[in-house]
Structure formats: structure tokens, C-alpha cells
């Protein structure tokens, strides 16, 4: 009986840990998405406006997927359905995203995109894959990011 209870506790803890781990992964992804979006708000003149729009729309859809399907529900579940506690944790997630954006701004002060950015978002997509139109938009965004990264002013 004692062994059964311990196994149950371990499974519960690992489930909670997995949920938090996934949120941690996704807040990093959201930080990269926000960084790229901010870069594209002031995109170099040699970037085609339609390409910039394709990337921004695809990343916006992916960010909404991450937030709506992963982060918000997992924070709520982790906090036992307590909306207030989940909201406090969401503020921590948002603060961490800004840290990621600031670190990326320091590392990549150039106005253009790098293939690294597309690779980072692709790595995110391997952990959290949207479906349907969201997936199509994400694929278009990633392909276009690679195209833009290969341009030189």
C-alpha cells in the first residue's frame, strides 16, 4: 500500500513538473517570437513587405496557439484551477519573455533576421505543433524567415 501511494505521488509530481517544463519551454519560444516580431516592425527596407507580413502573421498565430492551448491552460491546471494564482504566474512568464527579448536584442543588434531565429522557432514547433491553418501559416513564416535571413542589404 505504501509503495502504491509513493508511486501515485511520483506520477503526480512528474506530471506537474512536465507541465511547468512545457510552460518554461513555451515562454522561451514566445520570447523568440516577440523578438522577431519587434525586429520586423522596423524591418530593413530591402525586405519585401509581403514577406514581412507573412512572417508576422504566421508567428502571431503560433504565439496565440502557444498561449491559448499550452501556457494558459497549463498554468491554470498547475494552480488547481485558481485563476488568480494562474494570473500571477502568467505575469512571471511575461517578465521572463521580456528577459529573453532583451538578451536576444543584445546578441543580435542588427536589424535583419538570422537563420538562427528560424531554427529556434522550428525547435519550438517540434515541441508544440499547431494544426490546420495555424501550421500552414507557421510553415510559411519559417520558410520566409529563412529567405529573409539570406538577404543582404
N, C-alpha and C. Protein backbone atom coordinates (compact mmCIF):
# COMPACT_ATOMS: atom_id res chain seq x y z
N UNK A 1 0.83 -1.20 0.00
CA UNK A 1 0.00 0.00 0.00
C UNK A 1 0.87 1.26 0.00
N UNK A 2 1.91 1.25 0.86
CA UNK A 2 2.81 2.39 0.93
C UNK A 2 3.51 2.62 -0.42
N UNK A 3 3.90 1.52 -1.07
CA UNK A 3 4.56 1.61 -2.37
C UNK A 3 3.61 2.21 -3.41
N UNK A 4 2.34 1.83 -3.36
CA UNK A 4 1.34 2.33 -4.29
C UNK A 4 1.14 3.84 -4.11
N UNK A 5 1.09 4.30 -2.88
CA UNK A 5 0.92 5.72 -2.60
C UNK A 5 2.13 6.50 -3.12
N UNK A 6 3.33 6.00 -2.86
CA UNK A 6 4.54 6.67 -3.31
C UNK A 6 4.58 6.77 -4.84
N UNK A 7 4.18 5.70 -5.51
CA UNK A 7 4.15 5.70 -6.97
C UNK A 7 3.16 6.76 -7.46
N UNK A 8 2.00 6.83 -6.82
CA UNK A 8 0.99 7.83 -7.17
C UNK A 8 1.52 9.24 -6.98
N UNK A 9 2.25 9.48 -5.90
CA UNK A 9 2.82 10.80 -5.65
C UNK A 9 3.89 11.14 -6.70
N UNK A 10 4.70 10.18 -7.03
CA UNK A 10 5.73 10.42 -8.05
C UNK A 10 5.11 10.76 -9.39
N UNK A 11 4.05 10.06 -9.75
CA UNK A 11 3.38 10.36 -11.01
C UNK A 11 2.78 11.75 -10.99
N UNK A 12 2.19 12.14 -9.87
CA UNK A 12 1.60 13.47 -9.74
C UNK A 12 2.68 14.54 -9.85
N UNK A 13 3.78 14.35 -9.15
CA UNK A 13 4.86 15.32 -9.18
C UNK A 13 5.44 15.42 -10.59
N UNK A 14 5.66 14.30 -11.23
CA UNK A 14 6.25 14.35 -12.56
C UNK A 14 5.30 15.01 -13.56
N UNK A 15 3.99 14.81 -13.39
CA UNK A 15 3.03 15.47 -14.27
C UNK A 15 3.10 16.98 -14.08
N UNK A 16 3.15 17.44 -12.81
CA UNK A 16 3.26 18.86 -12.53
C UNK A 16 4.56 19.41 -13.07
N UNK A 17 5.64 18.68 -12.89
CA UNK A 17 6.94 19.10 -13.38
C UNK A 17 6.93 19.19 -14.90
N UNK A 18 6.30 18.23 -15.56
CA UNK A 18 6.22 18.26 -17.01
C UNK A 18 5.43 19.48 -17.48
N UNK A 19 4.33 19.79 -16.78
CA UNK A 19 3.52 20.94 -17.15
C UNK A 19 4.33 22.22 -17.03
N UNK A 20 5.06 22.37 -15.93
CA UNK A 20 5.88 23.55 -15.73
C UNK A 20 7.01 23.58 -16.76
N UNK A 21 7.61 22.43 -17.04
CA UNK A 21 8.66 22.36 -18.04
C UNK A 21 8.18 22.80 -19.40
N UNK A 22 7.01 22.38 -19.77
CA UNK A 22 6.44 22.77 -21.07
C UNK A 22 6.18 24.28 -21.10
N UNK A 23 5.68 24.82 -20.00
CA UNK A 23 5.45 26.27 -19.93
C UNK A 23 6.79 27.00 -20.05
N UNK A 24 7.82 26.49 -19.38
CA UNK A 24 9.14 27.12 -19.48
C UNK A 24 9.63 27.12 -20.92
N UNK A 25 9.50 25.99 -21.59
CA UNK A 25 9.90 25.90 -22.99
C UNK A 25 9.13 26.90 -23.84
N UNK A 26 7.84 26.98 -23.61
CA UNK A 26 6.99 27.82 -24.44
C UNK A 26 7.18 29.30 -24.15
N UNK A 27 7.53 29.67 -22.91
CA UNK A 27 7.77 31.09 -22.65
C UNK A 27 9.05 31.53 -23.36
N UNK A 28 10.01 30.64 -23.46
CA UNK A 28 11.21 30.91 -24.23
C UNK A 28 10.84 31.10 -25.71
N UNK A 29 9.99 30.23 -26.21
CA UNK A 29 9.53 30.33 -27.61
C UNK A 29 8.79 31.64 -27.84
N UNK A 30 7.94 32.00 -26.90
CA UNK A 30 7.20 33.25 -27.05
C UNK A 30 8.14 34.45 -27.03
N UNK A 31 9.22 34.34 -26.27
CA UNK A 31 10.21 35.41 -26.26
C UNK A 31 10.88 35.56 -27.62
N UNK A 32 11.22 34.45 -28.24
CA UNK A 32 11.84 34.50 -29.57
C UNK A 32 10.85 35.08 -30.57
N UNK A 33 9.60 34.65 -30.49
CA UNK A 33 8.57 35.16 -31.40
C UNK A 33 8.43 36.68 -31.23
N UNK A 34 8.38 37.14 -30.00
CA UNK A 34 8.24 38.58 -29.75
C UNK A 34 9.46 39.35 -30.27
N UNK A 35 10.64 38.79 -30.07
CA UNK A 35 11.86 39.40 -30.56
C UNK A 35 11.81 39.56 -32.09
N UNK A 36 11.45 38.50 -32.78
CA UNK A 36 11.38 38.54 -34.25
C UNK A 36 10.33 39.54 -34.69
N UNK A 37 9.19 39.54 -34.03
CA UNK A 37 8.12 40.47 -34.39
C UNK A 37 8.60 41.92 -34.25
N UNK A 38 9.29 42.20 -33.16
CA UNK A 38 9.79 43.57 -32.96
C UNK A 38 10.83 43.93 -34.03
N UNK A 39 11.67 42.97 -34.39
CA UNK A 39 12.63 43.22 -35.47
C UNK A 39 11.89 43.60 -36.75
N UNK A 40 10.82 42.88 -37.03
CA UNK A 40 10.10 43.08 -38.30
C UNK A 40 9.23 44.34 -38.28
N UNK A 41 8.94 44.88 -37.13
CA UNK A 41 8.21 46.15 -37.08
C UNK A 41 9.05 47.26 -37.70
N UNK A 42 10.36 47.11 -37.59
CA UNK A 42 11.30 48.07 -38.17
C UNK A 42 12.21 47.33 -39.16
N UNK A 43 11.59 46.57 -40.02
CA UNK A 43 12.33 45.72 -40.96
C UNK A 43 13.18 46.55 -41.91
N UNK A 44 14.32 45.99 -42.31
CA UNK A 44 15.15 46.68 -43.31
C UNK A 44 14.34 46.94 -44.58
N UNK A 45 14.68 48.02 -45.26
CA UNK A 45 13.93 48.43 -46.47
C UNK A 45 14.00 47.39 -47.58
N UNK A 46 15.07 46.59 -47.58
CA UNK A 46 15.21 45.59 -48.65
C UNK A 46 14.38 44.33 -48.40
N UNK A 47 13.67 44.25 -47.28
CA UNK A 47 12.75 43.14 -47.04
C UNK A 47 11.43 43.45 -47.74
N UNK A 48 10.94 42.51 -48.50
CA UNK A 48 9.65 42.67 -49.17
C UNK A 48 8.55 42.77 -48.11
N UNK A 49 7.70 43.76 -48.25
CA UNK A 49 6.63 44.00 -47.26
C UNK A 49 5.70 42.79 -47.13
N UNK A 50 5.44 42.12 -48.22
CA UNK A 50 4.57 40.94 -48.18
C UNK A 50 5.24 39.81 -47.39
N UNK A 51 6.56 39.67 -47.54
CA UNK A 51 7.28 38.65 -46.78
C UNK A 51 7.24 38.95 -45.28
N UNK A 52 7.44 40.21 -44.95
CA UNK A 52 7.39 40.62 -43.54
C UNK A 52 6.01 40.32 -42.97
N UNK A 53 4.98 40.63 -43.74
CA UNK A 53 3.61 40.38 -43.30
C UNK A 53 3.37 38.88 -43.11
N UNK A 54 3.88 38.06 -44.00
CA UNK A 54 3.74 36.60 -43.91
C UNK A 54 4.36 36.08 -42.61
N UNK A 55 5.55 36.55 -42.31
CA UNK A 55 6.23 36.10 -41.10
C UNK A 55 5.47 36.56 -39.86
N UNK A 56 5.12 37.83 -39.83
CA UNK A 56 4.44 38.37 -38.63
C UNK A 56 3.10 37.68 -38.39
N UNK A 57 2.32 37.45 -39.44
CA UNK A 57 1.03 36.78 -39.28
C UNK A 57 1.20 35.33 -38.82
N UNK A 58 2.17 34.63 -39.40
CA UNK A 58 2.42 33.25 -39.01
C UNK A 58 2.88 33.13 -37.57
N UNK A 59 3.77 34.02 -37.17
CA UNK A 59 4.27 33.98 -35.80
C UNK A 59 3.20 34.43 -34.80
N UNK A 60 2.37 35.37 -35.20
CA UNK A 60 1.28 35.80 -34.33
C UNK A 60 0.31 34.63 -34.08
N UNK A 61 -0.01 33.91 -35.13
CA UNK A 61 -0.91 32.75 -34.99
C UNK A 61 -0.28 31.69 -34.10
N UNK A 62 1.02 31.47 -34.26
CA UNK A 62 1.71 30.47 -33.45
C UNK A 62 1.78 30.91 -31.99
N UNK A 63 2.03 32.18 -31.77
CA UNK A 63 2.06 32.72 -30.40
C UNK A 63 0.69 32.55 -29.73
N UNK A 64 -0.36 32.83 -30.46
CA UNK A 64 -1.72 32.67 -29.92
C UNK A 64 -2.00 31.20 -29.60
N UNK A 65 -1.52 30.31 -30.45
CA UNK A 65 -1.67 28.87 -30.20
C UNK A 65 -0.94 28.48 -28.91
N UNK A 66 0.30 28.91 -28.79
CA UNK A 66 1.09 28.58 -27.60
C UNK A 66 0.39 29.09 -26.34
N UNK A 67 -0.04 30.34 -26.37
CA UNK A 67 -0.66 30.93 -25.20
C UNK A 67 -2.00 30.27 -24.87
N UNK A 68 -2.84 30.11 -25.90
CA UNK A 68 -4.19 29.60 -25.68
C UNK A 68 -4.30 28.10 -25.44
N UNK A 69 -3.42 27.35 -26.07
CA UNK A 69 -3.51 25.89 -25.97
C UNK A 69 -2.53 25.26 -24.98
N UNK A 70 -1.47 25.99 -24.64
CA UNK A 70 -0.45 25.39 -23.78
C UNK A 70 -0.26 26.18 -22.49
N UNK A 71 0.21 27.42 -22.60
CA UNK A 71 0.62 28.18 -21.42
C UNK A 71 -0.56 28.43 -20.47
N UNK A 72 -1.59 29.11 -20.96
CA UNK A 72 -2.71 29.45 -20.07
C UNK A 72 -3.37 28.22 -19.44
N UNK A 73 -3.70 27.19 -20.23
CA UNK A 73 -4.33 26.01 -19.61
C UNK A 73 -3.41 25.29 -18.61
N UNK A 74 -2.13 25.21 -18.91
CA UNK A 74 -1.21 24.51 -18.01
C UNK A 74 -1.00 25.30 -16.71
N UNK A 75 -0.94 26.63 -16.81
CA UNK A 75 -0.82 27.44 -15.60
C UNK A 75 -2.06 27.28 -14.73
N UNK A 76 -3.21 27.26 -15.38
CA UNK A 76 -4.46 27.09 -14.64
C UNK A 76 -4.51 25.71 -13.98
N UNK A 77 -4.14 24.71 -14.71
CA UNK A 77 -4.14 23.35 -14.17
C UNK A 77 -3.13 23.21 -13.04
N UNK A 78 -1.93 23.76 -13.23
CA UNK A 78 -0.88 23.69 -12.22
C UNK A 78 -1.33 24.34 -10.92
N UNK A 79 -2.15 25.37 -11.03
CA UNK A 79 -2.63 26.10 -9.86
C UNK A 79 -4.00 25.61 -9.40
N UNK A 80 -4.35 24.41 -9.78
CA UNK A 80 -5.60 23.80 -9.31
C UNK A 80 -6.85 24.55 -9.70
N UNK A 81 -6.81 25.24 -10.84
CA UNK A 81 -7.97 25.97 -11.31
C UNK A 81 -8.11 27.37 -10.71
N UNK A 82 -7.16 27.76 -9.88
CA UNK A 82 -7.20 29.08 -9.24
C UNK A 82 -6.74 30.14 -10.25
N UNK A 83 -7.70 30.91 -10.74
CA UNK A 83 -7.43 31.90 -11.78
C UNK A 83 -6.48 32.98 -11.30
N UNK A 84 -6.61 33.40 -10.06
CA UNK A 84 -5.73 34.44 -9.51
C UNK A 84 -4.28 33.98 -9.46
N UNK A 85 -4.05 32.77 -8.98
CA UNK A 85 -2.69 32.24 -8.91
C UNK A 85 -2.12 32.05 -10.32
N UNK A 86 -2.95 31.58 -11.24
CA UNK A 86 -2.51 31.41 -12.62
C UNK A 86 -2.14 32.77 -13.22
N UNK A 87 -2.89 33.80 -12.89
CA UNK A 87 -2.62 35.14 -13.39
C UNK A 87 -1.28 35.67 -12.87
N UNK A 88 -0.98 35.39 -11.61
CA UNK A 88 0.30 35.80 -11.03
C UNK A 88 1.44 35.08 -11.76
N UNK A 89 1.26 33.79 -12.01
CA UNK A 89 2.29 33.04 -12.74
C UNK A 89 2.42 33.54 -14.17
N UNK A 90 1.31 33.94 -14.79
CA UNK A 90 1.36 34.47 -16.15
C UNK A 90 2.21 35.73 -16.19
N UNK A 91 2.12 36.56 -15.15
CA UNK A 91 2.95 37.77 -15.09
C UNK A 91 4.43 37.40 -15.01
N UNK A 92 4.73 36.32 -14.31
CA UNK A 92 6.12 35.85 -14.24
C UNK A 92 6.59 35.34 -15.61
N UNK A 93 5.71 34.64 -16.29
CA UNK A 93 6.01 34.16 -17.64
C UNK A 93 6.29 35.34 -18.56
N UNK A 94 5.45 36.36 -18.49
CA UNK A 94 5.61 37.55 -19.33
C UNK A 94 6.91 38.28 -19.02
N UNK A 95 7.26 38.36 -17.74
CA UNK A 95 8.51 39.01 -17.35
C UNK A 95 9.71 38.24 -17.91
N UNK A 96 9.65 36.93 -17.85
CA UNK A 96 10.74 36.12 -18.38
C UNK A 96 10.85 36.29 -19.90
N UNK A 97 9.70 36.37 -20.57
CA UNK A 97 9.72 36.58 -22.03
C UNK A 97 10.47 37.86 -22.37
N UNK A 98 10.26 38.90 -21.58
CA UNK A 98 10.94 40.18 -21.82
C UNK A 98 12.45 40.03 -21.60
N UNK A 99 12.84 39.21 -20.64
CA UNK A 99 14.25 38.93 -20.42
C UNK A 99 14.85 38.26 -21.65
N UNK A 100 14.12 37.32 -22.22
CA UNK A 100 14.57 36.63 -23.43
C UNK A 100 14.71 37.64 -24.57
N UNK A 101 13.72 38.49 -24.75
CA UNK A 101 13.76 39.50 -25.82
C UNK A 101 14.98 40.40 -25.63
N UNK A 102 15.21 40.85 -24.41
CA UNK A 102 16.35 41.73 -24.14
C UNK A 102 17.68 41.03 -24.42
N UNK A 103 17.78 39.76 -24.04
CA UNK A 103 19.01 39.00 -24.32
C UNK A 103 19.24 38.85 -25.82
N UNK A 104 18.16 38.58 -26.54
CA UNK A 104 18.29 38.44 -27.99
C UNK A 104 18.63 39.77 -28.65
N UNK A 105 18.08 40.87 -28.14
CA UNK A 105 18.42 42.19 -28.67
C UNK A 105 19.90 42.48 -28.49
N UNK A 106 20.44 42.05 -27.36
CA UNK A 106 21.87 42.25 -27.10
C UNK A 106 22.72 41.38 -28.04
N UNK A 107 22.29 40.16 -28.22
CA UNK A 107 23.05 39.23 -29.06
C UNK A 107 22.93 39.56 -30.55
N UNK A 108 21.77 40.04 -30.96
CA UNK A 108 21.51 40.33 -32.38
C UNK A 108 21.05 41.78 -32.54
N UNK A 109 21.96 42.74 -32.42
CA UNK A 109 21.54 44.14 -32.54
C UNK A 109 21.25 44.57 -33.99
N UNK A 110 21.66 43.75 -34.94
CA UNK A 110 21.44 44.07 -36.36
C UNK A 110 19.94 44.10 -36.66
N UNK A 111 19.55 44.89 -37.66
CA UNK A 111 18.12 45.00 -37.98
C UNK A 111 17.57 43.78 -38.73
N UNK A 112 18.45 42.97 -39.30
CA UNK A 112 17.99 41.85 -40.13
C UNK A 112 17.83 40.56 -39.30
N UNK A 113 17.15 39.61 -39.90
CA UNK A 113 16.96 38.30 -39.28
C UNK A 113 18.12 37.39 -39.61
N UNK A 114 18.31 36.40 -38.76
CA UNK A 114 19.32 35.37 -38.99
C UNK A 114 18.62 34.02 -39.05
N UNK A 115 19.25 33.09 -39.70
CA UNK A 115 18.70 31.74 -39.79
C UNK A 115 18.49 31.15 -38.39
N UNK A 116 19.34 31.55 -37.43
CA UNK A 116 19.20 31.10 -36.04
C UNK A 116 17.78 31.32 -35.51
N UNK A 117 17.19 32.45 -35.90
CA UNK A 117 15.85 32.78 -35.41
C UNK A 117 14.83 31.77 -35.92
N UNK A 118 14.93 31.42 -37.19
CA UNK A 118 14.02 30.42 -37.77
C UNK A 118 14.26 29.06 -37.13
N UNK A 119 15.51 28.73 -36.88
CA UNK A 119 15.84 27.44 -36.26
C UNK A 119 15.25 27.37 -34.86
N UNK A 120 15.35 28.46 -34.10
CA UNK A 120 14.79 28.48 -32.74
C UNK A 120 13.29 28.25 -32.75
N UNK A 121 12.62 28.91 -33.66
CA UNK A 121 11.16 28.75 -33.73
C UNK A 121 10.80 27.37 -34.25
N UNK A 122 11.58 26.85 -35.17
CA UNK A 122 11.35 25.49 -35.64
C UNK A 122 11.51 24.48 -34.50
N UNK A 123 12.52 24.69 -33.66
CA UNK A 123 12.72 23.83 -32.48
C UNK A 123 11.50 23.89 -31.55
N UNK A 124 10.93 25.07 -31.42
CA UNK A 124 9.70 25.22 -30.62
C UNK A 124 8.57 24.40 -31.23
N UNK A 125 8.46 24.48 -32.55
CA UNK A 125 7.38 23.78 -33.25
C UNK A 125 7.51 22.27 -33.10
N UNK A 126 8.72 21.78 -32.88
CA UNK A 126 8.90 20.35 -32.65
C UNK A 126 8.31 19.93 -31.30
N UNK A 127 8.24 20.86 -30.36
CA UNK A 127 7.71 20.59 -29.02
C UNK A 127 6.21 20.85 -28.94
N UNK A 128 5.75 21.78 -29.74
CA UNK A 128 4.34 22.18 -29.71
C UNK A 128 3.90 22.47 -31.13
N UNK A 129 3.27 21.50 -31.75
CA UNK A 129 2.89 21.60 -33.16
C UNK A 129 1.42 22.00 -33.29
N UNK A 130 1.18 23.16 -33.91
CA UNK A 130 -0.21 23.51 -34.18
C UNK A 130 -0.74 22.64 -35.32
N UNK A 131 -1.99 22.80 -35.64
CA UNK A 131 -2.55 22.03 -36.75
C UNK A 131 -3.31 22.95 -37.69
N UNK A 132 -3.70 22.40 -38.80
CA UNK A 132 -4.53 23.12 -39.76
C UNK A 132 -3.89 24.38 -40.30
N UNK A 133 -4.69 25.45 -40.36
CA UNK A 133 -4.24 26.72 -40.91
C UNK A 133 -3.09 27.31 -40.11
N UNK A 134 -3.11 27.10 -38.78
CA UNK A 134 -2.03 27.62 -37.94
C UNK A 134 -0.70 27.00 -38.33
N UNK A 135 -0.71 25.70 -38.61
CA UNK A 135 0.51 25.01 -39.02
C UNK A 135 0.98 25.52 -40.38
N UNK A 136 0.05 25.70 -41.29
CA UNK A 136 0.40 26.22 -42.62
C UNK A 136 1.02 27.61 -42.52
N UNK A 137 0.42 28.48 -41.70
CA UNK A 137 0.95 29.83 -41.51
C UNK A 137 2.35 29.78 -40.89
N UNK A 138 2.54 28.87 -39.95
CA UNK A 138 3.84 28.74 -39.31
C UNK A 138 4.90 28.28 -40.31
N UNK A 139 4.55 27.29 -41.12
CA UNK A 139 5.49 26.80 -42.14
C UNK A 139 5.86 27.94 -43.10
N UNK A 140 4.86 28.69 -43.55
CA UNK A 140 5.12 29.82 -44.45
C UNK A 140 6.03 30.85 -43.77
N UNK A 141 5.76 31.11 -42.50
CA UNK A 141 6.57 32.08 -41.75
C UNK A 141 8.02 31.61 -41.65
N UNK A 142 8.21 30.34 -41.31
CA UNK A 142 9.57 29.82 -41.17
C UNK A 142 10.32 29.84 -42.49
N UNK A 143 9.68 29.40 -43.56
CA UNK A 143 10.33 29.43 -44.87
C UNK A 143 10.69 30.85 -45.29
N UNK A 144 9.80 31.78 -45.00
CA UNK A 144 10.04 33.18 -45.35
C UNK A 144 11.14 33.77 -44.48
N UNK A 145 11.20 33.37 -43.21
CA UNK A 145 12.28 33.84 -42.34
C UNK A 145 13.64 33.42 -42.88
N UNK A 146 13.73 32.19 -43.33
CA UNK A 146 14.99 31.71 -43.91
C UNK A 146 15.34 32.52 -45.16
N UNK A 147 14.34 32.77 -45.98
CA UNK A 147 14.55 33.58 -47.19
C UNK A 147 15.07 34.98 -46.82
N UNK A 148 14.44 35.61 -45.83
CA UNK A 148 14.84 36.95 -45.41
C UNK A 148 16.24 36.94 -44.79
N UNK A 149 16.54 35.90 -44.05
CA UNK A 149 17.85 35.79 -43.40
C UNK A 149 18.98 35.71 -44.43
N UNK A 150 18.66 35.25 -45.60
CA UNK A 150 19.68 35.08 -46.65
C UNK A 150 19.90 36.36 -47.46
N UNK A 151 19.06 37.36 -47.25
CA UNK A 151 19.21 38.64 -47.97
C UNK A 151 20.26 39.50 -47.30
N UNK A 152 20.93 40.29 -48.08
CA UNK A 152 21.91 41.24 -47.56
C UNK A 152 21.57 42.61 -48.13
N UNK A 153 21.66 43.60 -47.29
CA UNK A 153 21.30 44.97 -47.68
C UNK A 153 22.19 45.64 -48.65
